[in-house]
Amino acid sequence: MAILPIITAPDPRLKVTSEPVDQVDDGLRKLMDDMLETMYDAPGIGLAAVQVGVPKRVIVMDLAKEDEPPAPRFFVNPEISQHSEELATYEEGCLSVPDMYEEVERPARAHVTYLDYDGNPQSEDIEGMLATCLQHEMDHLNGVLFIDHLSKLKRDMIIRKLLKLRRQKETA
């Protein structure tokens, strides 16, 4: 397994719409394993393939708390077929928008279909943190960042901070 570089905003590659996966094979499982290792190393709880420069509809996630054993999840070609009218607000962060956090409102529950790590079709109702995290990561597959859900003023402030931090790192 390998730790992959994570692309950060405002890189235009994050705005690309990811392509569906034709089949889950050993090459895709290696990508998912590398993504999982990258996510754990960052550390984070979710990562979309486009965030590591691979515009495919693939997400890895692990919502286990620090005192719990790892519980990795894999979502290939995820689709939400229904979502609740009820909304939930969570403070979101993102490995592609480092050290920035804002509250985002999303549907509280949803029904999702996807292929798992072995390529088997899955279907489940999701809610809570899983619903929020999966919707956040699915936004990545469509070229949307969590900051795109914020006002233009907040989004522009965050982008300016990220650019300033990037310049500081480059001159250090």
Foldseek 3Di string as FASTA:
>chain_A
DAAADFAAPPPQLLQDAAAADPFQDPVNLVLQVNQCVNCVVLPHFKDASSRRPHRYGKMKGFPDDPVDPTDIWIFGPKDWPDFDPDKDWDWDDDSRLPPDTDIAIDGFKTWMWGATNNRHIDIDIDGDPVVVRVVQRVCSNNSDHRLNRPDPVVSVVSNVVVVVVVVVVVVD
